[in-house]
C-alpha atoms as a PDB file:
ATOM      1  CA  UNK A   1      -7.201   8.410  -6.665  1.00  0.00           C
ATOM      2  CA  UNK A   2      -5.120   5.402  -7.590  1.00  0.00           C
ATOM      3  CA  UNK A   3      -5.468   1.915  -9.064  1.00  0.00           C
ATOM      4  CA  UNK A   4      -3.427  -0.640  -7.105  1.00  0.00           C
ATOM      5  CA  UNK A   5      -4.404  -3.326  -9.660  1.00  0.00           C
ATOM      6  CA  UNK A   6      -2.868  -1.620 -12.709  1.00  0.00           C
ATOM      7  CA  UNK A   7      -0.755  -3.937 -14.899  1.00  0.00           C
ATOM      8  CA  UNK A   8       2.533  -2.157 -14.120  1.00  0.00           C
ATOM      9  CA  UNK A   9       1.868  -1.461 -10.449  1.00  0.00           C
ATOM     10  CA  UNK A  10      -0.073   1.148  -8.515  1.00  0.00           C
ATOM     11  CA  UNK A  11      -1.206   3.823 -11.015  1.00  0.00           C
ATOM     12  CA  UNK A  12      -1.875   7.310  -9.634  1.00  0.00           C
ATOM     13  CA  UNK A  13      -4.831   8.874 -11.480  1.00  0.00           C
ATOM     14  CA  UNK A  14      -5.213  12.081  -9.472  1.00  0.00           C
ATOM     15  CA  UNK A  15      -3.718  14.022  -6.591  1.00  0.00           C
ATOM     16  CA  UNK A  16      -5.712  17.017  -5.385  1.00  0.00           C
ATOM     17  CA  UNK A  17      -5.079  19.074  -2.255  1.00  0.00           C
ATOM     18  CA  UNK A  18      -6.271  22.224  -0.511  1.00  0.00           C
ATOM     19  CA  UNK A  19      -9.881  21.356  -1.302  1.00  0.00           C
ATOM     20  CA  UNK A  20     -12.032  23.942   0.525  1.00  0.00           C
ATOM     21  CA  UNK A  21     -13.931  22.498   3.476  1.00  0.00           C
ATOM     22  CA  UNK A  22     -17.241  23.705   1.963  1.00  0.00           C
ATOM     23  CA  UNK A  23     -16.765  21.487  -1.128  1.00  0.00           C
ATOM     24  CA  UNK A  24     -19.505  18.869  -1.459  1.00  0.00           C
ATOM     25  CA  UNK A  25     -19.088  17.968  -5.148  1.00  0.00           C
ATOM     26  CA  UNK A  26     -16.443  18.334  -7.816  1.00  0.00           C
ATOM     27  CA  UNK A  27     -18.064  18.701 -11.248  1.00  0.00           C
ATOM     28  CA  UNK A  28     -16.524  16.780 -14.126  1.00  0.00           C
ATOM     29  CA  UNK A  29     -13.654  18.641 -15.771  1.00  0.00           C
ATOM     30  CA  UNK A  30     -13.098  21.074 -12.912  1.00  0.00           C
ATOM     31  CA  UNK A  31     -11.359  21.480  -9.577  1.00  0.00           C
ATOM     32  CA  UNK A  32     -12.529  23.547  -6.616  1.00  0.00           C
ATOM     33  CA  UNK A  33     -11.240  27.132  -6.380  1.00  0.00           C
ATOM     34  CA  UNK A  34      -7.998  27.135  -4.390  1.00  0.00           C
ATOM     35  CA  UNK A  35      -7.284  23.428  -4.883  1.00  0.00           C
ATOM     36  CA  UNK A  36      -4.131  22.260  -6.641  1.00  0.00           C
ATOM     37  CA  UNK A  37      -3.312  19.123  -8.640  1.00  0.00           C
ATOM     38  CA  UNK A  38      -0.151  17.052  -8.497  1.00  0.00           C
ATOM     39  CA  UNK A  39       1.688  14.717 -10.845  1.00  0.00           C
ATOM     40  CA  UNK A  40       0.028  11.437 -11.829  1.00  0.00           C
ATOM     41  CA  UNK A  41       1.671   8.264 -13.096  1.00  0.00           C
ATOM     42  CA  UNK A  42       1.721   9.870 -16.562  1.00  0.00           C
ATOM     43  CA  UNK A  43       4.312  12.349 -15.242  1.00  0.00           C
ATOM     44  CA  UNK A  44       1.956  15.315 -15.623  1.00  0.00           C
ATOM     45  CA  UNK A  45      -0.372  17.132 -13.224  1.00  0.00           C
ATOM     46  CA  UNK A  46      -4.124  16.730 -13.673  1.00  0.00           C
ATOM     47  CA  UNK A  47      -6.729  13.992 -13.744  1.00  0.00           C
ATOM     48  CA  UNK A  48      -6.303  10.744 -15.695  1.00  0.00           C
ATOM     49  CA  UNK A  49      -9.585   8.936 -16.333  1.00  0.00           C
ATOM     50  CA  UNK A  50      -9.769   5.195 -15.656  1.00  0.00           C
ATOM     51  CA  UNK A  51      -9.256   2.989 -18.700  1.00  0.00           C
ATOM     52  CA  UNK A  52      -8.737  -0.540 -17.401  1.00  0.00           C
ATOM     53  CA  UNK A  53      -7.284  -2.875 -20.056  1.00  0.00           C
ATOM     54  CA  UNK A  54      -8.614  -6.163 -18.639  1.00  0.00           C
ATOM     55  CA  UNK A  55      -9.457  -7.733 -15.321  1.00  0.00           C
ATOM     56  CA  UNK A  56     -10.736  -6.208 -12.113  1.00  0.00           C
ATOM     57  CA  UNK A  57      -9.470  -2.808 -10.988  1.00  0.00           C
ATOM     58  CA  UNK A  58     -10.097  -1.073  -7.673  1.00  0.00           C
ATOM     59  CA  UNK A  59     -10.051   2.712  -7.941  1.00  0.00           C
ATOM     60  CA  UNK A  60      -9.216   3.998  -4.481  1.00  0.00           C
ATOM     61  CA  UNK A  61     -10.168   7.530  -3.450  1.00  0.00           C
ATOM     62  CA  UNK A  62      -8.365   8.585  -0.258  1.00  0.00           C
ATOM     63  CA  UNK A  63      -9.568  11.728   1.480  1.00  0.00           C
ATOM     64  CA  UNK A  64      -7.694  13.381   4.346  1.00  0.00           C
ATOM     65  CA  UNK A  65      -8.860  16.207   6.641  1.00  0.00           C
ATOM     66  CA  UNK A  66      -5.808  18.267   7.577  1.00  0.00           C
ATOM     67  CA  UNK A  67      -5.063  20.907  10.167  1.00  0.00           C
ATOM     68  CA  UNK A  68      -3.212  23.020   7.595  1.00  0.00           C
ATOM     69  CA  UNK A  69      -3.145  23.973   3.929  1.00  0.00           C
ATOM     70  CA  UNK A  70      -0.282  22.667   1.837  1.00  0.00           C
ATOM     71  CA  UNK A  71       2.191  24.908   0.054  1.00  0.00           C
ATOM     72  CA  UNK A  72       3.204  22.452  -2.666  1.00  0.00           C
ATOM     73  CA  UNK A  73       4.008  22.941  -6.360  1.00  0.00           C
ATOM     74  CA  UNK A  74       2.114  21.186  -9.171  1.00  0.00           C
ATOM     75  CA  UNK A  75       5.190  18.958  -9.583  1.00  0.00           C
ATOM     76  CA  UNK A  76       4.239  17.198  -6.339  1.00  0.00           C
ATOM     77  CA  UNK A  77       3.999  13.400  -6.530  1.00  0.00           C
ATOM     78  CA  UNK A  78       1.875  11.130  -4.378  1.00  0.00           C
ATOM     79  CA  UNK A  79       4.942  10.300  -2.279  1.00  0.00           C
ATOM     80  CA  UNK A  80       5.698  14.015  -1.794  1.00  0.00           C
ATOM     81  CA  UNK A  81       2.083  14.744  -0.843  1.00  0.00           C
ATOM     82  CA  UNK A  82       1.941  11.909   1.666  1.00  0.00           C
ATOM     83  CA  UNK A  83       5.161  13.144   3.262  1.00  0.00           C
ATOM     84  CA  UNK A  84       3.768  16.696   3.456  1.00  0.00           C
ATOM     85  CA  UNK A  85       0.581  15.613   5.258  1.00  0.00           C
ATOM     86  CA  UNK A  86       2.439  13.518   7.841  1.00  0.00           C
ATOM     87  CA  UNK A  87       1.548  14.833  11.281  1.00  0.00           C
ATOM     88  CA  UNK A  88      -1.331  16.969   9.949  1.00  0.00           C
ATOM     89  CA  UNK A  89      -4.083  14.360   9.425  1.00  0.00           C
ATOM     90  CA  UNK A  90      -7.140  14.951  11.616  1.00  0.00           C
ATOM     91  CA  UNK A  91      -9.335  12.319   9.924  1.00  0.00           C
ATOM     92  CA  UNK A  92      -9.280  10.144   6.837  1.00  0.00           C
ATOM     93  CA  UNK A  93     -11.557   7.941   4.782  1.00  0.00           C
ATOM     94  CA  UNK A  94     -11.447   5.891   1.589  1.00  0.00           C
ATOM     95  CA  UNK A  95     -13.908   4.983  -1.128  1.00  0.00           C
ATOM     96  CA  UNK A  96     -13.186   2.093  -3.479  1.00  0.00           C
ATOM     97  CA  UNK A  97     -14.893   1.780  -6.853  1.00  0.00           C
ATOM     98  CA  UNK A  98     -14.447  -1.580  -8.577  1.00  0.00           C
ATOM     99  CA  UNK A  99     -14.515  -1.988 -12.355  1.00  0.00           C
ATOM    100  CA  UNK A 100     -14.214  -5.260 -14.273  1.00  0.00           C
ATOM    101  CA  UNK A 101     -13.092  -4.875 -17.876  1.00  0.00           C
END
């Protein structure tokens, strides 16, 4: 999940991989068993909730179906994750949530 409209450029709110294929929901404050989180724009792994200062912000959720699991550490950045999935994407989709502050 990222906000391309953040004041200082694209802000990464969450990177999550190895989500089990049976996952249909992710309850607030949790991650699916076996999934791992990467480093956000805060420099730490985990989820960063949206807190738009002003203006319109588009929160983009990108979801990729892969033909493999990823063996990545929790120090993985969005750039690292995107490089790791290259050549393994079977399908992808995006959901954009728009917030005006």
